[in-house]
Amino acid sequence: MRKAEMNHPQAKVPGAPFSGDPRDVYVAPEVVNTGSHYVMYSVFSLDEALPTDADERSSWVAEVEAAVEASGASVRGWYDVAGFRADADLMVWLLADDARVLQAAYHALRATRLGSVLVPVWSCIGTHRPAEFNSLHTPGCFSGIAPRPWLTVYPFVRSYEWYSLEPAKRSQMLRDHGLAARDFPDVIGSTTSAFGLGDYEFLLAFEADELQRIVDTLRAARAVEARLHVREETPFYTGPRVTLGDWAAKQPLA
């Protein structure tokens, strides 16, 4: 992905995701919109205890990291989702410019020793498509925004009526929806299209330094007219960003 780094005060474009945070760099929306970008969110549960021996456990982790890297996919993050749900323990967020690369990463992960004891719970692929009404609105994960410590991911399906509404009406509702979150510029959104890629229309990811900021953002975005046109928006998967090694050390050992 080509990045155009600029000084923060000059880089800010109204509507663009650039935050001005020193962790981030600026990527022009037109660069993002003309590229090929895919995401994969894969959630797993742990089916067996991991090795007690720290060196062996580290070997398992290193095998996964090497296998995913060799696939050509980039890891946005590993996330510990245990406790937020009873059915999941680990989530990985992968990025690539081709869906086949994401599939290769998924296969490579599953073929490792650690992958063999991870049971798939949920997995979805999305792709960036230029926003219908605001081309400056691009996913943070492709726009030079660094990963944040907390992540929430969920799918989204609009109502049947939504697509038959007048474009001006839909545009206004989406504008109001965006304004509802104006007090949370530190919460980074990455929305991708998933039409035909699975059971959903969109995949949404929100990242922040503090988990409560994500909670408050999603709560604020509820009180808008666009909420009347939501058909599905579950399941949610939430957790802190971790190293795979730290996650493995916290699991049952045998």
C-alpha atoms as a PDB file:
ATOM      1  CA  MET A   1       0.000   0.000   0.000  1.00  0.00           C
ATOM      2  CA  ARG A   2       1.543   3.333  -1.042  1.00  0.00           C
ATOM      3  CA  LYS A   3       1.700   5.883   1.770  1.00  0.00           C
ATOM      4  CA  ALA A   4       2.067   9.642   1.413  1.00  0.00           C
ATOM      5  CA  GLU A   5       3.546  10.872   4.658  1.00  0.00           C
ATOM      6  CA  MET A   6       2.985  14.529   5.506  1.00  0.00           C
ATOM      7  CA  ASN A   7       3.256  16.773   8.520  1.00  0.00           C
ATOM      8  CA  HIS A   8       0.190  16.261  10.675  1.00  0.00           C
ATOM      9  CA  PRO A   9      -1.311  19.797  10.495  1.00  0.00           C
ATOM     10  CA  GLN A  10      -1.059  19.781   6.695  1.00  0.00           C
ATOM     11  CA  ALA A  11      -2.281  16.250   6.241  1.00  0.00           C
ATOM     12  CA  LYS A  12      -5.735  16.665   7.736  1.00  0.00           C
ATOM     13  CA  VAL A  13      -8.427  16.559   5.090  1.00  0.00           C
ATOM     14  CA  PRO A  14     -12.061  17.126   6.192  1.00  0.00           C
ATOM     15  CA  GLY A  15     -13.792  13.770   6.353  1.00  0.00           C
ATOM     16  CA  ALA A  16     -10.597  11.737   6.002  1.00  0.00           C
ATOM     17  CA  PRO A  17      -9.719   9.292   8.772  1.00  0.00           C
ATOM     18  CA  PHE A  18      -6.305  10.809   9.543  1.00  0.00           C
ATOM     19  CA  SER A  19      -6.259  11.520  13.274  1.00  0.00           C
ATOM     20  CA  GLY A  20      -3.258  13.779  13.747  1.00  0.00           C
ATOM     21  CA  ASP A  21      -1.920  11.264  16.260  1.00  0.00           C
ATOM     22  CA  PRO A  22       1.887  10.864  16.027  1.00  0.00           C
ATOM     23  CA  ARG A  23       1.405   7.099  15.684  1.00  0.00           C
ATOM     24  CA  ASP A  24      -0.287   7.618  12.332  1.00  0.00           C
ATOM     25  CA  VAL A  25       0.722   8.657   8.830  1.00  0.00           C
ATOM     26  CA  TYR A  26      -1.426  10.215   6.145  1.00  0.00           C
ATOM     27  CA  VAL A  27      -2.658   8.198   3.186  1.00  0.00           C
ATOM     28  CA  ALA A  28      -4.693  10.217   0.700  1.00  0.00           C
ATOM     29  CA  PRO A  29      -8.265   8.936   0.230  1.00  0.00           C
ATOM     30  CA  GLU A  30      -7.760   8.718  -3.527  1.00  0.00           C
ATOM     31  CA  VAL A  31      -4.838   6.348  -2.937  1.00  0.00           C
ATOM     32  CA  VAL A  32      -7.009   4.111  -0.758  1.00  0.00           C
ATOM     33  CA  ASN A  33      -9.976   4.274  -3.114  1.00  0.00           C
ATOM     34  CA  THR A  34      -7.988   3.226  -6.182  1.00  0.00           C
ATOM     35  CA  GLY A  35      -6.271   0.290  -4.489  1.00  0.00           C
ATOM     36  CA  SER A  36      -7.347  -3.282  -3.840  1.00  0.00           C
ATOM     37  CA  HIS A  37      -7.867  -3.880  -0.134  1.00  0.00           C
ATOM     38  CA  TYR A  38      -9.281  -6.866   1.753  1.00  0.00           C
ATOM     39  CA  VAL A  39      -9.744  -7.714   5.424  1.00  0.00           C
ATOM     40  CA  MET A  40     -10.339 -10.995   7.191  1.00  0.00           C
ATOM     41  CA  TYR A  41     -11.555 -11.370  10.761  1.00  0.00           C
ATOM     42  CA  SER A  42     -11.179 -14.920  12.051  1.00  0.00           C
ATOM     43  CA  VAL A  43     -12.285 -16.019  15.503  1.00  0.00           C
ATOM     44  CA  PHE A  44     -11.288 -19.285  17.177  1.00  0.00           C
ATOM     45  CA  SER A  45     -11.837 -21.235  20.373  1.00  0.00           C
ATOM     46  CA  LEU A  46      -9.068 -23.277  21.952  1.00  0.00           C
ATOM     47  CA  ASP A  47      -9.872 -26.977  21.885  1.00  0.00           C
ATOM     48  CA  GLU A  48      -6.888 -28.376  23.813  1.00  0.00           C
ATOM     49  CA  ALA A  49      -4.388 -27.260  26.422  1.00  0.00           C
ATOM     50  CA  LEU A  50      -1.115 -25.843  25.114  1.00  0.00           C
ATOM     51  CA  PRO A  51       2.349 -27.180  26.013  1.00  0.00           C
ATOM     52  CA  THR A  52       3.525 -26.406  29.533  1.00  0.00           C
ATOM     53  CA  ASP A  53       7.114 -26.081  28.375  1.00  0.00           C
ATOM     54  CA  ALA A  54       7.697 -22.417  27.502  1.00  0.00           C
ATOM     55  CA  ASP A  55      10.188 -23.158  24.732  1.00  0.00           C
ATOM     56  CA  GLU A  56       7.848 -25.605  23.025  1.00  0.00           C
ATOM     57  CA  ARG A  57       4.970 -23.164  23.343  1.00  0.00           C
ATOM     58  CA  SER A  58       7.113 -20.406  21.845  1.00  0.00           C
ATOM     59  CA  SER A  59       7.933 -22.737  18.971  1.00  0.00           C
ATOM     60  CA  TRP A  60       4.239 -23.224  18.280  1.00  0.00           C
ATOM     61  CA  VAL A  61       3.686 -19.466  18.268  1.00  0.00           C
ATOM     62  CA  ALA A  62       6.694 -18.783  16.036  1.00  0.00           C
ATOM     63  CA  GLU A  63       5.425 -21.398  13.578  1.00  0.00           C
ATOM     64  CA  VAL A  64       2.100 -19.555  13.235  1.00  0.00           C
ATOM     65  CA  GLU A  65       3.741 -16.160  12.853  1.00  0.00           C
ATOM     66  CA  ALA A  66       6.129 -17.451  10.190  1.00  0.00           C
ATOM     67  CA  ALA A  67       3.364 -19.254   8.301  1.00  0.00           C
ATOM     68  CA  VAL A  68       1.095 -16.210   8.174  1.00  0.00           C
ATOM     69  CA  GLU A  69       3.953 -13.928   7.160  1.00  0.00           C
ATOM     70  CA  ALA A  70       4.952 -16.315   4.375  1.00  0.00           C
ATOM     71  CA  SER A  71       1.406 -16.178   2.985  1.00  0.00           C
ATOM     72  CA  GLY A  72       1.842 -12.494   2.180  1.00  0.00           C
ATOM     73  CA  ALA A  73      -0.927 -11.273   4.490  1.00  0.00           C
ATOM     74  CA  SER A  74      -0.345  -8.570   7.082  1.00  0.00           C
ATOM     75  CA  VAL A  75      -1.480  -9.037  10.675  1.00  0.00           C
ATOM     76  CA  ARG A  76      -3.303  -5.970  11.963  1.00  0.00           C
ATOM     77  CA  GLY A  77      -3.520  -7.659  15.318  1.00  0.00           C
ATOM     78  CA  TRP A  78      -4.196 -10.684  17.496  1.00  0.00           C
ATOM     79  CA  TYR A  79      -6.956 -10.128  20.061  1.00  0.00           C
ATOM     80  CA  ASP A  80      -7.838 -11.902  23.282  1.00  0.00           C
ATOM     81  CA  VAL A  81     -11.638 -12.213  23.126  1.00  0.00           C
ATOM     82  CA  ALA A  82     -11.957 -14.643  26.054  1.00  0.00           C
ATOM     83  CA  GLY A  83     -14.600 -13.720  28.596  1.00  0.00           C
ATOM     84  CA  PHE A  84     -16.419 -11.292  26.324  1.00  0.00           C
ATOM     85  CA  ARG A  85     -18.152 -14.329  24.883  1.00  0.00           C
ATOM     86  CA  ALA A  86     -18.314 -17.932  26.054  1.00  0.00           C
ATOM     87  CA  ASP A  87     -17.637 -19.385  22.613  1.00  0.00           C
ATOM     88  CA  ALA A  88     -14.367 -17.718  21.584  1.00  0.00           C
ATOM     89  CA  ASP A  89     -10.794 -17.234  22.770  1.00  0.00           C
ATOM     90  CA  LEU A  90      -8.744 -15.648  19.976  1.00  0.00           C
ATOM     91  CA  MET A  91      -9.325 -13.322  17.018  1.00  0.00           C
ATOM     92  CA  VAL A  92      -6.918 -12.338  14.265  1.00  0.00           C
ATOM     93  CA  TRP A  93      -7.357  -9.384  11.898  1.00  0.00           C
ATOM     94  CA  LEU A  94      -5.576  -9.866   8.570  1.00  0.00           C
ATOM     95  CA  LEU A  95      -5.068  -7.439   5.666  1.00  0.00           C
ATOM     96  CA  ALA A  96      -4.124  -8.111   2.043  1.00  0.00           C
ATOM     97  CA  ASP A  97      -4.632  -6.820  -1.484  1.00  0.00           C
ATOM     98  CA  ASP A  98      -6.144 -10.110  -2.663  1.00  0.00           C
ATOM     99  CA  ALA A  99      -8.724 -12.367  -1.019  1.00  0.00           C
ATOM    100  CA  ARG A 100      -6.701 -15.422  -2.075  1.00  0.00           C
ATOM    101  CA  VAL A 101      -3.817 -14.188   0.049  1.00  0.00           C
ATOM    102  CA  LEU A 102      -6.145 -14.081   3.052  1.00  0.00           C
ATOM    103  CA  GLN A 103      -7.304 -17.607   2.300  1.00  0.00           C
ATOM    104  CA  ALA A 104      -3.677 -18.723   2.068  1.00  0.00           C
ATOM    105  CA  ALA A 105      -2.976 -17.163   5.468  1.00  0.00           C
ATOM    106  CA  TYR A 106      -6.005 -18.898   6.957  1.00  0.00           C
ATOM    107  CA  HIS A 107      -4.935 -22.274   5.566  1.00  0.00           C
ATOM    108  CA  ALA A 108      -1.372 -21.719   6.742  1.00  0.00           C
ATOM    109  CA  LEU A 109      -2.506 -20.868  10.254  1.00  0.00           C
ATOM    110  CA  ARG A 110      -4.779 -23.915  10.452  1.00  0.00           C
ATOM    111  CA  ALA A 111      -1.964 -26.193   9.286  1.00  0.00           C
ATOM    112  CA  THR A 112       0.325 -25.316  12.212  1.00  0.00           C
ATOM    113  CA  ARG A 113       0.470 -27.142  15.525  1.00  0.00           C
ATOM    114  CA  LEU A 114      -1.297 -24.276  17.278  1.00  0.00           C
ATOM    115  CA  GLY A 115      -3.806 -23.985  14.468  1.00  0.00           C
ATOM    116  CA  SER A 116      -4.677 -27.664  14.822  1.00  0.00           C
ATOM    117  CA  VAL A 117      -6.071 -27.039  18.315  1.00  0.00           C
ATOM    118  CA  LEU A 118      -7.959 -23.882  17.330  1.00  0.00           C
ATOM    119  CA  VAL A 119     -11.600 -24.467  16.396  1.00  0.00           C
ATOM    120  CA  PRO A 120     -13.084 -21.954  13.925  1.00  0.00           C
ATOM    121  CA  VAL A 121     -15.964 -19.978  15.453  1.00  0.00           C
ATOM    122  CA  TRP A 122     -16.541 -17.155  12.966  1.00  0.00           C
ATOM    123  CA  SER A 123     -14.672 -15.846   9.936  1.00  0.00           C
ATOM    124  CA  CYS A 124     -15.516 -13.174   7.389  1.00  0.00           C
ATOM    125  CA  ILE A 125     -13.832 -11.355   4.522  1.00  0.00           C
ATOM    126  CA  GLY A 126     -14.587  -7.781   3.478  1.00  0.00           C
ATOM    127  CA  THR A 127     -13.229  -5.439   0.830  1.00  0.00           C
ATOM    128  CA  HIS A 128     -12.950  -1.670   0.639  1.00  0.00           C
ATOM    129  CA  ARG A 129     -15.243   0.013  -1.844  1.00  0.00           C
ATOM    130  CA  PRO A 130     -15.435   3.816  -2.134  1.00  0.00           C
ATOM    131  CA  ALA A 131     -18.200   5.190   0.045  1.00  0.00           C
ATOM    132  CA  GLU A 132     -21.402   6.023  -1.828  1.00  0.00           C
ATOM    133  CA  PHE A 133     -21.793   9.577  -0.533  1.00  0.00           C
ATOM    134  CA  ASN A 134     -18.376  10.572   0.842  1.00  0.00           C
ATOM    135  CA  SER A 135     -15.277   9.320  -0.949  1.00  0.00           C
ATOM    136  CA  LEU A 136     -13.089  10.771   1.827  1.00  0.00           C
ATOM    137  CA  HIS A 137     -14.482   8.180   4.226  1.00  0.00           C
ATOM    138  CA  THR A 138     -11.954   5.335   4.031  1.00  0.00           C
ATOM    139  CA  PRO A 139     -11.161   2.476   6.453  1.00  0.00           C
ATOM    140  CA  GLY A 140      -8.660   3.484   9.111  1.00  0.00           C
ATOM    141  CA  CYS A 141      -6.788   0.201   8.679  1.00  0.00           C
ATOM    142  CA  PHE A 142      -5.896   1.149   5.086  1.00  0.00           C
ATOM    143  CA  SER A 143      -5.440   4.865   5.720  1.00  0.00           C
ATOM    144  CA  GLY A 144      -2.223   4.976   7.702  1.00  0.00           C
ATOM    145  CA  ILE A 145      -3.874   4.681  11.105  1.00  0.00           C
ATOM    146  CA  ALA A 146      -1.842   2.565  13.527  1.00  0.00           C
ATOM    147  CA  PRO A 147      -3.601  -0.255  15.418  1.00  0.00           C
ATOM    148  CA  ARG A 148      -5.134   0.712  18.739  1.00  0.00           C
ATOM    149  CA  PRO A 149      -5.172  -1.379  21.947  1.00  0.00           C
ATOM    150  CA  TRP A 150      -8.876  -2.273  21.807  1.00  0.00           C
ATOM    151  CA  LEU A 151     -11.041  -3.632  19.000  1.00  0.00           C
ATOM    152  CA  THR A 152     -14.707  -4.400  18.420  1.00  0.00           C
ATOM    153  CA  VAL A 153     -15.794  -6.168  15.231  1.00  0.00           C
ATOM    154  CA  TYR A 154     -19.305  -6.925  14.032  1.00  0.00           C
ATOM    155  CA  PRO A 155     -21.258  -7.496  10.802  1.00  0.00           C
ATOM    156  CA  PHE A 156     -24.058  -5.313   9.506  1.00  0.00           C
ATOM    157  CA  VAL A 157     -27.077  -5.808   7.260  1.00  0.00           C
ATOM    158  CA  ARG A 158     -29.383  -2.969   6.170  1.00  0.00           C
ATOM    159  CA  SER A 159     -33.170  -3.203   5.996  1.00  0.00           C
ATOM    160  CA  TYR A 160     -34.795  -4.265   2.740  1.00  0.00           C
ATOM    161  CA  GLU A 161     -36.323  -0.793   2.436  1.00  0.00           C
ATOM    162  CA  TRP A 162     -32.992   1.025   2.726  1.00  0.00           C
ATOM    163  CA  TYR A 163     -31.924   0.505  -0.867  1.00  0.00           C
ATOM    164  CA  SER A 164     -35.232   1.746  -2.280  1.00  0.00           C
ATOM    165  CA  LEU A 165     -35.064   5.084  -0.431  1.00  0.00           C
ATOM    166  CA  GLU A 166     -34.170   8.232  -2.324  1.00  0.00           C
ATOM    167  CA  PRO A 167     -30.386   8.713  -2.396  1.00  0.00           C
ATOM    168  CA  ALA A 168     -30.718  12.161  -0.835  1.00  0.00           C
ATOM    169  CA  LYS A 169     -32.633  10.668   2.090  1.00  0.00           C
ATOM    170  CA  ARG A 170     -30.065   7.941   2.617  1.00  0.00           C
ATOM    171  CA  SER A 171     -27.268  10.481   2.374  1.00  0.00           C
ATOM    172  CA  GLN A 172     -28.847  12.680   5.032  1.00  0.00           C
ATOM    173  CA  MET A 173     -29.387   9.774   7.402  1.00  0.00           C
ATOM    174  CA  LEU A 174     -25.784   8.661   6.997  1.00  0.00           C
ATOM    175  CA  ARG A 175     -24.597  12.222   7.583  1.00  0.00           C
ATOM    176  CA  ASP A 176     -26.622  12.386  10.799  1.00  0.00           C
ATOM    177  CA  HIS A 177     -25.241   9.010  11.817  1.00  0.00           C
ATOM    178  CA  GLY A 178     -21.713  10.293  11.362  1.00  0.00           C
ATOM    179  CA  LEU A 179     -22.424  13.469  13.302  1.00  0.00           C
ATOM    180  CA  ALA A 180     -23.683  11.395  16.211  1.00  0.00           C
ATOM    181  CA  ALA A 181     -20.119  10.161  16.693  1.00  0.00           C
ATOM    182  CA  ARG A 182     -18.417  13.546  16.274  1.00  0.00           C
ATOM    183  CA  ASP A 183     -17.388  13.623  19.942  1.00  0.00           C
ATOM    184  CA  PHE A 184     -15.281  10.474  19.481  1.00  0.00           C
ATOM    185  CA  PRO A 185     -12.516  11.351  16.992  1.00  0.00           C
ATOM    186  CA  ASP A 186     -10.165   9.007  18.845  1.00  0.00           C
ATOM    187  CA  VAL A 187     -12.289   5.990  17.902  1.00  0.00           C
ATOM    188  CA  ILE A 188     -11.063   4.652  14.563  1.00  0.00           C
ATOM    189  CA  GLY A 189     -13.539   3.014  12.228  1.00  0.00           C
ATOM    190  CA  SER A 190     -12.848   0.540   9.431  1.00  0.00           C
ATOM    191  CA  THR A 191     -15.938  -0.335   7.411  1.00  0.00           C
ATOM    192  CA  THR A 192     -15.675  -2.761   4.508  1.00  0.00           C
ATOM    193  CA  SER A 193     -18.187  -4.196   2.049  1.00  0.00           C
ATOM    194  CA  ALA A 194     -19.100  -7.860   2.233  1.00  0.00           C
ATOM    195  CA  PHE A 195     -21.892  -8.194  -0.345  1.00  0.00           C
ATOM    196  CA  GLY A 196     -21.642 -11.699  -1.776  1.00  0.00           C
ATOM    197  CA  LEU A 197     -18.627 -12.571   0.368  1.00  0.00           C
ATOM    198  CA  GLY A 198     -20.658 -14.105   3.173  1.00  0.00           C
ATOM    199  CA  ASP A 199     -23.933 -13.603   5.016  1.00  0.00           C
ATOM    200  CA  TYR A 200     -23.530  -9.858   5.585  1.00  0.00           C
ATOM    201  CA  GLU A 201     -23.442  -6.578   3.676  1.00  0.00           C
ATOM    202  CA  PHE A 202     -20.759  -4.797   5.695  1.00  0.00           C
ATOM    203  CA  LEU A 203     -18.129  -5.573   8.307  1.00  0.00           C
ATOM    204  CA  LEU A 204     -17.405  -2.906  10.907  1.00  0.00           C
ATOM    205  CA  ALA A 205     -14.361  -2.574  13.134  1.00  0.00           C
ATOM    206  CA  PHE A 206     -13.792   0.092  15.785  1.00  0.00           C
ATOM    207  CA  GLU A 207     -10.449   0.635  17.497  1.00  0.00           C
ATOM    208  CA  ALA A 208      -9.598   2.865  20.457  1.00  0.00           C
ATOM    209  CA  ASP A 209      -7.097   3.352  23.249  1.00  0.00           C
ATOM    210  CA  GLU A 210      -9.844   2.905  25.850  1.00  0.00           C
ATOM    211  CA  LEU A 211     -12.606   0.302  25.624  1.00  0.00           C
ATOM    212  CA  GLN A 212     -15.187   2.657  27.117  1.00  0.00           C
ATOM    213  CA  ARG A 213     -14.715   5.012  24.174  1.00  0.00           C
ATOM    214  CA  ILE A 214     -15.899   2.288  21.809  1.00  0.00           C
ATOM    215  CA  VAL A 215     -18.891   1.588  24.066  1.00  0.00           C
ATOM    216  CA  ASP A 216     -19.835   5.277  24.167  1.00  0.00           C
ATOM    217  CA  THR A 217     -19.396   5.698  20.417  1.00  0.00           C
ATOM    218  CA  LEU A 218     -21.704   2.814  19.592  1.00  0.00           C
ATOM    219  CA  ARG A 219     -24.232   4.033  22.134  1.00  0.00           C
ATOM    220  CA  ALA A 220     -24.226   7.558  20.663  1.00  0.00           C
ATOM    221  CA  ALA A 221     -24.731   6.216  17.161  1.00  0.00           C
ATOM    222  CA  ARG A 222     -27.945   4.455  18.218  1.00  0.00           C
ATOM    223  CA  ALA A 223     -30.075   7.606  18.511  1.00  0.00           C
ATOM    224  CA  VAL A 224     -30.417   8.348  14.792  1.00  0.00           C
ATOM    225  CA  GLU A 225     -32.999   7.637  12.106  1.00  0.00           C
ATOM    226  CA  ALA A 226     -30.669   5.297  10.213  1.00  0.00           C
ATOM    227  CA  ARG A 227     -31.084   2.846  13.091  1.00  0.00           C
ATOM    228  CA  LEU A 228     -34.581   2.121  11.779  1.00  0.00           C
ATOM    229  CA  HIS A 229     -32.960   0.460   8.791  1.00  0.00           C
ATOM    230  CA  VAL A 230     -30.837  -2.156  10.547  1.00  0.00           C
ATOM    231  CA  ARG A 231     -31.721  -5.785   9.948  1.00  0.00           C
ATOM    232  CA  GLU A 232     -28.753  -7.524  11.560  1.00  0.00           C
ATOM    233  CA  GLU A 233     -25.646  -6.457  13.499  1.00  0.00           C
ATOM    234  CA  THR A 234     -24.466  -9.444  15.509  1.00  0.00           C
ATOM    235  CA  PRO A 235     -22.289 -11.166  16.584  1.00  0.00           C
ATOM    236  CA  PHE A 236     -19.883  -8.762  18.280  1.00  0.00           C
ATOM    237  CA  TYR A 237     -16.290  -9.805  18.977  1.00  0.00           C
ATOM    238  CA  THR A 238     -14.295  -7.580  21.311  1.00  0.00           C
ATOM    239  CA  GLY A 239     -10.928  -7.742  23.003  1.00  0.00           C
ATOM    240  CA  PRO A 240      -7.531  -6.176  23.657  1.00  0.00           C
ATOM    241  CA  ARG A 241      -4.724  -6.378  21.119  1.00  0.00           C
ATOM    242  CA  VAL A 242      -2.062  -8.823  22.339  1.00  0.00           C
ATOM    243  CA  THR A 243       0.982 -10.671  21.094  1.00  0.00           C
ATOM    244  CA  LEU A 244       0.247 -14.238  20.147  1.00  0.00           C
ATOM    245  CA  GLY A 245       2.922 -15.377  22.599  1.00  0.00           C
ATOM    246  CA  ASP A 246       1.324 -13.549  25.528  1.00  0.00           C
ATOM    247  CA  TRP A 247      -2.069 -14.966  24.592  1.00  0.00           C
ATOM    248  CA  ALA A 248      -0.672 -18.512  24.450  1.00  0.00           C
ATOM    249  CA  ALA A 249       0.940 -18.152  27.885  1.00  0.00           C
ATOM    250  CA  LYS A 250      -2.457 -17.388  29.437  1.00  0.00           C
ATOM    251  CA  GLN A 251      -4.176 -20.497  28.087  1.00  0.00           C
ATOM    252  CA  PRO A 252      -4.675 -23.837  29.873  1.00  0.00           C
ATOM    253  CA  LEU A 253      -1.384 -25.747  29.820  1.00  0.00           C
ATOM    254  CA  ALA A 254      -0.661 -29.457  29.947  1.00  0.00           C
END
